[in-house]
């Protein structure tokens, strides 16, 4: 299905039958990425007395119980409620259905840019310098969403144990730059925008949502961060239309399925 769309001063065509899924599916009981060493996402047949929810074991239907931690077991979208005392749900925060977005590829590196706590010499960081270079020719209208693919873009991101491989994260300078661009929805292929062990500062999270400590900021409650995506190498950097799909979870985060649609300017 093709649609012609007018946005700001632009006219373009989108083929909605050719979406590009950039989520990592939650493969219950199978290979999956993991952060902080939490239990893997699992499923098991529900059992009550003589009833068992598994057709392979004689049950009338498949009827399973699922156990997982959205922040650690795969692609997930989180809202400001992730870091505030006020309980805010991602279901009420994500109000946009189609989001003009930009995909860029960056190479995390050692840097002298700022971070709290201080950077370690082995830290690989997504920098403002690199983002400025990759985004210098991008139409600002397509920066409501920003999708960041880190290089090298290896397939093992789909099953990586981040307690064994330290992931990249954002410098303070980089996140301040992203906020200055007006980005509302940030998507990354790392498990967190902050260093995994950062003494609880959550510097990049707080900059993105413009919060201090755990105080709620109503002006940024519709902004989201999506972590642990995987963008195939076949997708070129550039402008897309993003459909960010989540289940109806009343929680600070939920598993998510971001879909990218290529656009053709008319």
C-alpha atoms as a PDB file:
ATOM      1  CA  UNK A   1       0.000   0.000   0.000  1.00  0.00           C
ATOM      2  CA  UNK A   2       1.452   3.342  -1.075  1.00  0.00           C
ATOM      3  CA  UNK A   3       0.539   6.718   0.365  1.00  0.00           C
ATOM      4  CA  UNK A   4       1.371  10.273  -0.622  1.00  0.00           C
ATOM      5  CA  UNK A   5       2.161  12.420   2.389  1.00  0.00           C
ATOM      6  CA  UNK A   6       2.561  16.164   2.826  1.00  0.00           C
ATOM      7  CA  UNK A   7       4.698  17.228   5.764  1.00  0.00           C
ATOM      8  CA  UNK A   8       5.813  20.808   6.370  1.00  0.00           C
ATOM      9  CA  UNK A   9       6.808  21.907   2.858  1.00  0.00           C
ATOM     10  CA  UNK A  10       7.667  18.393   1.700  1.00  0.00           C
ATOM     11  CA  UNK A  11       5.692  15.934  -0.390  1.00  0.00           C
ATOM     12  CA  UNK A  12       6.787  12.304  -0.409  1.00  0.00           C
ATOM     13  CA  UNK A  13       5.578   8.781  -1.059  1.00  0.00           C
ATOM     14  CA  UNK A  14       5.728   5.870   1.385  1.00  0.00           C
ATOM     15  CA  UNK A  15       5.142   2.199   0.647  1.00  0.00           C
ATOM     16  CA  UNK A  16       3.553   0.891   3.853  1.00  0.00           C
ATOM     17  CA  UNK A  17       3.787  -2.700   2.640  1.00  0.00           C
ATOM     18  CA  UNK A  18       7.594  -2.537   2.881  1.00  0.00           C
ATOM     19  CA  UNK A  19       8.443  -1.737   6.476  1.00  0.00           C
ATOM     20  CA  UNK A  20      11.850  -2.493   7.997  1.00  0.00           C
ATOM     21  CA  UNK A  21      11.667  -3.968  11.495  1.00  0.00           C
ATOM     22  CA  UNK A  22      14.626  -2.793  13.610  1.00  0.00           C
ATOM     23  CA  UNK A  23      13.672  -4.589  16.812  1.00  0.00           C
ATOM     24  CA  UNK A  24      15.366  -7.607  18.328  1.00  0.00           C
ATOM     25  CA  UNK A  25      12.580 -10.161  18.884  1.00  0.00           C
ATOM     26  CA  UNK A  26      12.295 -11.621  22.381  1.00  0.00           C
ATOM     27  CA  UNK A  27      13.189 -15.249  21.733  1.00  0.00           C
ATOM     28  CA  UNK A  28      11.816 -16.815  24.908  1.00  0.00           C
ATOM     29  CA  UNK A  29      14.142 -19.529  26.259  1.00  0.00           C
ATOM     30  CA  UNK A  30      16.493 -18.939  23.311  1.00  0.00           C
ATOM     31  CA  UNK A  31      19.357 -16.637  22.342  1.00  0.00           C
ATOM     32  CA  UNK A  32      18.744 -13.029  23.327  1.00  0.00           C
ATOM     33  CA  UNK A  33      20.728  -9.974  24.418  1.00  0.00           C
ATOM     34  CA  UNK A  34      21.112  -9.424  28.135  1.00  0.00           C
ATOM     35  CA  UNK A  35      22.077  -6.546  30.424  1.00  0.00           C
ATOM     36  CA  UNK A  36      23.051  -6.559  34.105  1.00  0.00           C
ATOM     37  CA  UNK A  37      22.956 -10.364  34.195  1.00  0.00           C
ATOM     38  CA  UNK A  38      19.201 -10.547  34.812  1.00  0.00           C
ATOM     39  CA  UNK A  39      17.329 -13.786  34.190  1.00  0.00           C
ATOM     40  CA  UNK A  40      16.711 -14.486  30.513  1.00  0.00           C
ATOM     41  CA  UNK A  41      13.202 -14.054  29.119  1.00  0.00           C
ATOM     42  CA  UNK A  42      11.385 -17.350  29.565  1.00  0.00           C
ATOM     43  CA  UNK A  43       8.059 -18.972  28.796  1.00  0.00           C
ATOM     44  CA  UNK A  44       6.468 -22.067  30.272  1.00  0.00           C
ATOM     45  CA  UNK A  45       3.114 -23.811  29.843  1.00  0.00           C
ATOM     46  CA  UNK A  46       0.555 -22.854  32.469  1.00  0.00           C
ATOM     47  CA  UNK A  47      -0.362 -25.835  34.612  1.00  0.00           C
ATOM     48  CA  UNK A  48      -3.236 -26.223  37.080  1.00  0.00           C
ATOM     49  CA  UNK A  49      -4.086 -29.658  38.310  1.00  0.00           C
ATOM     50  CA  UNK A  50      -4.558 -31.916  35.296  1.00  0.00           C
ATOM     51  CA  UNK A  51      -4.628 -29.003  32.848  1.00  0.00           C
ATOM     52  CA  UNK A  52      -1.441 -28.178  30.999  1.00  0.00           C
ATOM     53  CA  UNK A  53      -1.195 -25.455  28.372  1.00  0.00           C
ATOM     54  CA  UNK A  54       0.917 -27.378  25.871  1.00  0.00           C
ATOM     55  CA  UNK A  55      -0.541 -29.356  22.959  1.00  0.00           C
ATOM     56  CA  UNK A  56       2.673 -31.378  22.748  1.00  0.00           C
ATOM     57  CA  UNK A  57       2.042 -32.649  26.268  1.00  0.00           C
ATOM     58  CA  UNK A  58      -1.594 -33.507  25.714  1.00  0.00           C
ATOM     59  CA  UNK A  59      -3.116 -30.132  26.499  1.00  0.00           C
ATOM     60  CA  UNK A  60      -6.032 -28.786  24.460  1.00  0.00           C
ATOM     61  CA  UNK A  61      -4.176 -25.583  23.483  1.00  0.00           C
ATOM     62  CA  UNK A  62      -0.977 -23.664  24.044  1.00  0.00           C
ATOM     63  CA  UNK A  63      -1.374 -21.429  27.085  1.00  0.00           C
ATOM     64  CA  UNK A  64       1.900 -20.018  28.389  1.00  0.00           C
ATOM     65  CA  UNK A  65       3.192 -17.773  31.144  1.00  0.00           C
ATOM     66  CA  UNK A  66       5.949 -15.347  30.150  1.00  0.00           C
ATOM     67  CA  UNK A  67       8.624 -13.877  32.382  1.00  0.00           C
ATOM     68  CA  UNK A  68      10.973 -11.085  31.249  1.00  0.00           C
ATOM     69  CA  UNK A  69      12.546  -7.761  32.179  1.00  0.00           C
ATOM     70  CA  UNK A  70      11.861  -5.255  29.373  1.00  0.00           C
ATOM     71  CA  UNK A  71      14.857  -3.033  30.184  1.00  0.00           C
ATOM     72  CA  UNK A  72      17.298  -5.929  29.910  1.00  0.00           C
ATOM     73  CA  UNK A  73      15.965  -8.676  27.627  1.00  0.00           C
ATOM     74  CA  UNK A  74      15.636  -6.960  24.256  1.00  0.00           C
ATOM     75  CA  UNK A  75      14.318  -3.966  22.331  1.00  0.00           C
ATOM     76  CA  UNK A  76      12.293  -1.738  24.620  1.00  0.00           C
ATOM     77  CA  UNK A  77      10.921   1.796  24.768  1.00  0.00           C
ATOM     78  CA  UNK A  78      11.014   3.784  27.991  1.00  0.00           C
ATOM     79  CA  UNK A  79       9.524   7.053  29.152  1.00  0.00           C
ATOM     80  CA  UNK A  80      10.367   9.694  31.732  1.00  0.00           C
ATOM     81  CA  UNK A  81       8.829   7.443  34.401  1.00  0.00           C
ATOM     82  CA  UNK A  82      11.974   5.332  34.137  1.00  0.00           C
ATOM     83  CA  UNK A  83      13.895   7.879  36.224  1.00  0.00           C
ATOM     84  CA  UNK A  84      11.308   9.884  38.200  1.00  0.00           C
ATOM     85  CA  UNK A  85       9.521   9.345  41.492  1.00  0.00           C
ATOM     86  CA  UNK A  86       6.255  10.047  39.687  1.00  0.00           C
ATOM     87  CA  UNK A  87       4.929   6.874  38.098  1.00  0.00           C
ATOM     88  CA  UNK A  88       4.445   7.690  34.430  1.00  0.00           C
ATOM     89  CA  UNK A  89       3.636   5.034  31.847  1.00  0.00           C
ATOM     90  CA  UNK A  90       5.074   4.685  28.369  1.00  0.00           C
ATOM     91  CA  UNK A  91       1.527   3.996  27.172  1.00  0.00           C
ATOM     92  CA  UNK A  92       0.485   7.583  27.925  1.00  0.00           C
ATOM     93  CA  UNK A  93       3.831   9.073  26.898  1.00  0.00           C
ATOM     94  CA  UNK A  94       4.035   7.737  23.343  1.00  0.00           C
ATOM     95  CA  UNK A  95       1.364   9.751  21.533  1.00  0.00           C
ATOM     96  CA  UNK A  96       2.822   9.928  18.000  1.00  0.00           C
ATOM     97  CA  UNK A  97       1.962   7.159  15.547  1.00  0.00           C
ATOM     98  CA  UNK A  98       4.097   8.207  12.576  1.00  0.00           C
ATOM     99  CA  UNK A  99       7.347   9.996  13.284  1.00  0.00           C
ATOM    100  CA  UNK A 100       9.651  11.723  10.759  1.00  0.00           C
ATOM    101  CA  UNK A 101      13.031  10.299  11.679  1.00  0.00           C
ATOM    102  CA  UNK A 102      16.683  10.132  10.672  1.00  0.00           C
ATOM    103  CA  UNK A 103      19.024   7.141  10.744  1.00  0.00           C
ATOM    104  CA  UNK A 104      22.747   7.782  11.230  1.00  0.00           C
ATOM    105  CA  UNK A 105      25.747   5.514  11.790  1.00  0.00           C
ATOM    106  CA  UNK A 106      28.392   6.550  14.317  1.00  0.00           C
ATOM    107  CA  UNK A 107      31.635   5.078  15.589  1.00  0.00           C
ATOM    108  CA  UNK A 108      32.028   5.163  19.386  1.00  0.00           C
ATOM    109  CA  UNK A 109      35.492   6.314  20.426  1.00  0.00           C
ATOM    110  CA  UNK A 110      37.710   7.473  23.250  1.00  0.00           C
ATOM    111  CA  UNK A 111      37.037  11.147  23.829  1.00  0.00           C
ATOM    112  CA  UNK A 112      37.747  14.176  25.952  1.00  0.00           C
ATOM    113  CA  UNK A 113      34.076  15.150  25.893  1.00  0.00           C
ATOM    114  CA  UNK A 114      32.320  15.369  29.253  1.00  0.00           C
ATOM    115  CA  UNK A 115      30.591  12.690  31.295  1.00  0.00           C
ATOM    116  CA  UNK A 116      29.522  12.208  34.903  1.00  0.00           C
ATOM    117  CA  UNK A 117      31.118  10.261  36.502  1.00  0.00           C
ATOM    118  CA  UNK A 118      34.497  10.770  34.856  1.00  0.00           C
ATOM    119  CA  UNK A 119      35.275   8.641  31.838  1.00  0.00           C
ATOM    120  CA  UNK A 120      37.575   5.657  32.071  1.00  0.00           C
ATOM    121  CA  UNK A 121      40.310   5.273  29.484  1.00  0.00           C
ATOM    122  CA  UNK A 122      38.606   2.180  28.021  1.00  0.00           C
ATOM    123  CA  UNK A 123      35.184   3.826  27.607  1.00  0.00           C
ATOM    124  CA  UNK A 124      33.890   4.040  24.035  1.00  0.00           C
ATOM    125  CA  UNK A 125      31.570   6.997  23.666  1.00  0.00           C
ATOM    126  CA  UNK A 126      29.052   8.328  21.145  1.00  0.00           C
ATOM    127  CA  UNK A 127      30.289  11.895  20.723  1.00  0.00           C
ATOM    128  CA  UNK A 128      28.853  15.246  19.786  1.00  0.00           C
ATOM    129  CA  UNK A 129      31.661  15.647  17.276  1.00  0.00           C
ATOM    130  CA  UNK A 130      30.616  12.523  15.358  1.00  0.00           C
ATOM    131  CA  UNK A 131      26.886  13.310  15.535  1.00  0.00           C
ATOM    132  CA  UNK A 132      27.454  16.820  14.188  1.00  0.00           C
ATOM    133  CA  UNK A 133      29.373  15.365  11.265  1.00  0.00           C
ATOM    134  CA  UNK A 134      26.706  12.777  10.427  1.00  0.00           C
ATOM    135  CA  UNK A 135      23.772  15.174  10.820  1.00  0.00           C
ATOM    136  CA  UNK A 136      25.166  18.290   9.143  1.00  0.00           C
ATOM    137  CA  UNK A 137      23.079  17.935   5.955  1.00  0.00           C
ATOM    138  CA  UNK A 138      19.880  16.510   7.495  1.00  0.00           C
ATOM    139  CA  UNK A 139      16.556  18.306   7.118  1.00  0.00           C
ATOM    140  CA  UNK A 140      15.545  19.387  10.663  1.00  0.00           C
ATOM    141  CA  UNK A 141      11.961  18.332   9.899  1.00  0.00           C
ATOM    142  CA  UNK A 142      13.149  14.709  10.089  1.00  0.00           C
ATOM    143  CA  UNK A 143      14.699  14.996  13.536  1.00  0.00           C
ATOM    144  CA  UNK A 144      11.590  14.298  15.602  1.00  0.00           C
ATOM    145  CA  UNK A 145      13.053  10.805  15.728  1.00  0.00           C
ATOM    146  CA  UNK A 146      16.763   9.953  15.725  1.00  0.00           C
ATOM    147  CA  UNK A 147      17.965   6.379  15.178  1.00  0.00           C
ATOM    148  CA  UNK A 148      21.606   5.704  15.967  1.00  0.00           C
ATOM    149  CA  UNK A 149      23.450   2.667  14.641  1.00  0.00           C
ATOM    150  CA  UNK A 150      26.897   2.056  16.133  1.00  0.00           C
ATOM    151  CA  UNK A 151      29.820   0.765  14.093  1.00  0.00           C
ATOM    152  CA  UNK A 152      30.891  -2.007  13.911  1.00  0.00           C
ATOM    153  CA  UNK A 153      27.351  -3.288  13.349  1.00  0.00           C
ATOM    154  CA  UNK A 154      27.765  -6.948  14.187  1.00  0.00           C
ATOM    155  CA  UNK A 155      24.971  -9.544  14.164  1.00  0.00           C
ATOM    156  CA  UNK A 156      25.920 -10.638  17.670  1.00  0.00           C
ATOM    157  CA  UNK A 157      24.232  -7.494  19.015  1.00  0.00           C
ATOM    158  CA  UNK A 158      21.102  -9.667  18.856  1.00  0.00           C
ATOM    159  CA  UNK A 159      22.454 -12.040  21.508  1.00  0.00           C
ATOM    160  CA  UNK A 160      25.244 -10.120  23.252  1.00  0.00           C
ATOM    161  CA  UNK A 161      25.881 -10.415  26.979  1.00  0.00           C
ATOM    162  CA  UNK A 162      26.692  -6.851  28.000  1.00  0.00           C
ATOM    163  CA  UNK A 163      28.355  -7.989  31.196  1.00  0.00           C
ATOM    164  CA  UNK A 164      31.079  -9.441  28.971  1.00  0.00           C
ATOM    165  CA  UNK A 165      31.183  -6.701  26.314  1.00  0.00           C
ATOM    166  CA  UNK A 166      30.970  -3.133  27.651  1.00  0.00           C
ATOM    167  CA  UNK A 167      28.616  -1.099  25.434  1.00  0.00           C
ATOM    168  CA  UNK A 168      29.052   2.432  24.161  1.00  0.00           C
ATOM    169  CA  UNK A 169      27.078   5.312  25.660  1.00  0.00           C
ATOM    170  CA  UNK A 170      26.541   9.046  25.118  1.00  0.00           C
ATOM    171  CA  UNK A 171      28.738  11.860  26.312  1.00  0.00           C
ATOM    172  CA  UNK A 172      27.036  14.761  28.029  1.00  0.00           C
ATOM    173  CA  UNK A 173      28.002  16.949  25.058  1.00  0.00           C
ATOM    174  CA  UNK A 174      26.364  14.508  22.629  1.00  0.00           C
ATOM    175  CA  UNK A 175      23.115  14.294  24.573  1.00  0.00           C
ATOM    176  CA  UNK A 176      22.926  18.068  25.008  1.00  0.00           C
ATOM    177  CA  UNK A 177      23.374  18.375  21.248  1.00  0.00           C
ATOM    178  CA  UNK A 178      20.543  15.855  20.617  1.00  0.00           C
ATOM    179  CA  UNK A 179      18.238  17.841  22.902  1.00  0.00           C
ATOM    180  CA  UNK A 180      19.170  21.073  21.104  1.00  0.00           C
ATOM    181  CA  UNK A 181      18.021  19.486  17.821  1.00  0.00           C
ATOM    182  CA  UNK A 182      14.531  18.959  19.238  1.00  0.00           C
ATOM    183  CA  UNK A 183      14.663  15.157  19.105  1.00  0.00           C
ATOM    184  CA  UNK A 184      11.555  13.663  20.747  1.00  0.00           C
ATOM    185  CA  UNK A 185      12.195   9.962  20.162  1.00  0.00           C
ATOM    186  CA  UNK A 186      15.742   8.614  20.460  1.00  0.00           C
ATOM    187  CA  UNK A 187      16.531   5.052  19.346  1.00  0.00           C
ATOM    188  CA  UNK A 188      19.893   3.356  19.921  1.00  0.00           C
ATOM    189  CA  UNK A 189      21.391  -0.117  19.498  1.00  0.00           C
ATOM    190  CA  UNK A 190      23.034  -0.067  22.925  1.00  0.00           C
ATOM    191  CA  UNK A 191      21.399  -1.268  26.175  1.00  0.00           C
ATOM    192  CA  UNK A 192      21.495   2.205  27.724  1.00  0.00           C
ATOM    193  CA  UNK A 193      22.232   5.796  26.776  1.00  0.00           C
ATOM    194  CA  UNK A 194      24.352   5.922  29.951  1.00  0.00           C
ATOM    195  CA  UNK A 195      27.303   3.855  31.086  1.00  0.00           C
ATOM    196  CA  UNK A 196      25.892   0.684  32.642  1.00  0.00           C
ATOM    197  CA  UNK A 197      27.685   1.337  35.927  1.00  0.00           C
ATOM    198  CA  UNK A 198      27.601   5.083  36.458  1.00  0.00           C
ATOM    199  CA  UNK A 199      27.133   5.354  40.242  1.00  0.00           C
ATOM    200  CA  UNK A 200      23.437   6.083  39.688  1.00  0.00           C
ATOM    201  CA  UNK A 201      23.940   9.453  37.990  1.00  0.00           C
ATOM    202  CA  UNK A 202      21.976   8.618  34.790  1.00  0.00           C
ATOM    203  CA  UNK A 203      23.496  11.752  33.284  1.00  0.00           C
ATOM    204  CA  UNK A 204      22.349  11.221  29.686  1.00  0.00           C
ATOM    205  CA  UNK A 205      18.842  10.161  30.733  1.00  0.00           C
ATOM    206  CA  UNK A 206      18.431  13.287  32.845  1.00  0.00           C
ATOM    207  CA  UNK A 207      19.701  15.548  30.074  1.00  0.00           C
ATOM    208  CA  UNK A 208      17.328  14.012  27.522  1.00  0.00           C
ATOM    209  CA  UNK A 209      14.261  14.402  29.750  1.00  0.00           C
ATOM    210  CA  UNK A 210      15.540  17.679  31.207  1.00  0.00           C
ATOM    211  CA  UNK A 211      15.106  16.433  34.752  1.00  0.00           C
ATOM    212  CA  UNK A 212      17.032  17.025  37.944  1.00  0.00           C
ATOM    213  CA  UNK A 213      17.460  13.975  40.093  1.00  0.00           C
ATOM    214  CA  UNK A 214      14.123  12.181  40.219  1.00  0.00           C
ATOM    215  CA  UNK A 215      11.856  15.185  39.689  1.00  0.00           C
ATOM    216  CA  UNK A 216       9.180  14.904  36.998  1.00  0.00           C
ATOM    217  CA  UNK A 217       9.256  17.408  34.124  1.00  0.00           C
ATOM    218  CA  UNK A 218       5.800  17.697  32.487  1.00  0.00           C
ATOM    219  CA  UNK A 219       7.334  19.447  29.463  1.00  0.00           C
ATOM    220  CA  UNK A 220       9.174  16.300  28.389  1.00  0.00           C
ATOM    221  CA  UNK A 221       6.720  13.562  29.337  1.00  0.00           C
ATOM    222  CA  UNK A 222       6.058  12.690  25.670  1.00  0.00           C
ATOM    223  CA  UNK A 223       9.710  12.002  24.882  1.00  0.00           C
ATOM    224  CA  UNK A 224      10.900   8.399  24.638  1.00  0.00           C
ATOM    225  CA  UNK A 225      14.138   6.438  24.492  1.00  0.00           C
ATOM    226  CA  UNK A 226      14.258   3.081  22.718  1.00  0.00           C
ATOM    227  CA  UNK A 227      17.247   0.867  23.454  1.00  0.00           C
ATOM    228  CA  UNK A 228      18.683  -2.407  22.107  1.00  0.00           C
ATOM    229  CA  UNK A 229      17.474  -2.044  18.537  1.00  0.00           C
ATOM    230  CA  UNK A 230      19.294  -3.654  15.620  1.00  0.00           C
ATOM    231  CA  UNK A 231      19.492  -1.814  12.291  1.00  0.00           C
ATOM    232  CA  UNK A 232      20.501  -4.113   9.402  1.00  0.00           C
ATOM    233  CA  UNK A 233      23.419  -2.959   7.298  1.00  0.00           C
ATOM    234  CA  UNK A 234      21.126  -2.995   4.258  1.00  0.00           C
ATOM    235  CA  UNK A 235      19.371   0.153   5.506  1.00  0.00           C
ATOM    236  CA  UNK A 236      21.136   3.319   4.396  1.00  0.00           C
ATOM    237  CA  UNK A 237      21.580   6.376   6.584  1.00  0.00           C
ATOM    238  CA  UNK A 238      18.985   9.031   5.825  1.00  0.00           C
ATOM    239  CA  UNK A 239      15.371  10.069   6.345  1.00  0.00           C
ATOM    240  CA  UNK A 240      12.551   7.662   7.139  1.00  0.00           C
ATOM    241  CA  UNK A 241       9.073   7.493   8.572  1.00  0.00           C
ATOM    242  CA  UNK A 242       9.110   5.696  11.933  1.00  0.00           C
ATOM    243  CA  UNK A 243       6.233   3.718  13.416  1.00  0.00           C
ATOM    244  CA  UNK A 244       7.129   2.973  17.040  1.00  0.00           C
ATOM    245  CA  UNK A 245       4.915   0.113  18.210  1.00  0.00           C
ATOM    246  CA  UNK A 246       4.419  -0.892  21.860  1.00  0.00           C
ATOM    247  CA  UNK A 247       1.926  -3.123  23.694  1.00  0.00           C
ATOM    248  CA  UNK A 248      -0.598  -1.510  26.055  1.00  0.00           C
ATOM    249  CA  UNK A 249       1.621  -1.769  29.141  1.00  0.00           C
ATOM    250  CA  UNK A 250       0.952   0.631  32.017  1.00  0.00           C
ATOM    251  CA  UNK A 251       4.621   0.697  32.951  1.00  0.00           C
ATOM    252  CA  UNK A 252       7.693   2.889  32.576  1.00  0.00           C
ATOM    253  CA  UNK A 253       8.955   0.680  29.727  1.00  0.00           C
ATOM    254  CA  UNK A 254       7.627  -1.941  27.356  1.00  0.00           C
ATOM    255  CA  UNK A 255       8.977  -4.242  24.662  1.00  0.00           C
ATOM    256  CA  UNK A 256       8.771  -2.421  21.352  1.00  0.00           C
ATOM    257  CA  UNK A 257       8.868  -2.917  17.602  1.00  0.00           C
ATOM    258  CA  UNK A 258      10.141   0.116  15.677  1.00  0.00           C
ATOM    259  CA  UNK A 259       9.350  -0.039  11.959  1.00  0.00           C
ATOM    260  CA  UNK A 260      11.169   2.172   9.438  1.00  0.00           C
ATOM    261  CA  UNK A 261       9.612   3.105   6.112  1.00  0.00           C
ATOM    262  CA  UNK A 262      11.687   4.493   3.300  1.00  0.00           C
ATOM    263  CA  UNK A 263      10.461   7.742   1.796  1.00  0.00           C
ATOM    264  CA  UNK A 264      10.600   8.894  -1.792  1.00  0.00           C
ATOM    265  CA  UNK A 265      10.419  12.641  -2.268  1.00  0.00           C
ATOM    266  CA  UNK A 266       8.007  13.810  -4.973  1.00  0.00           C
END
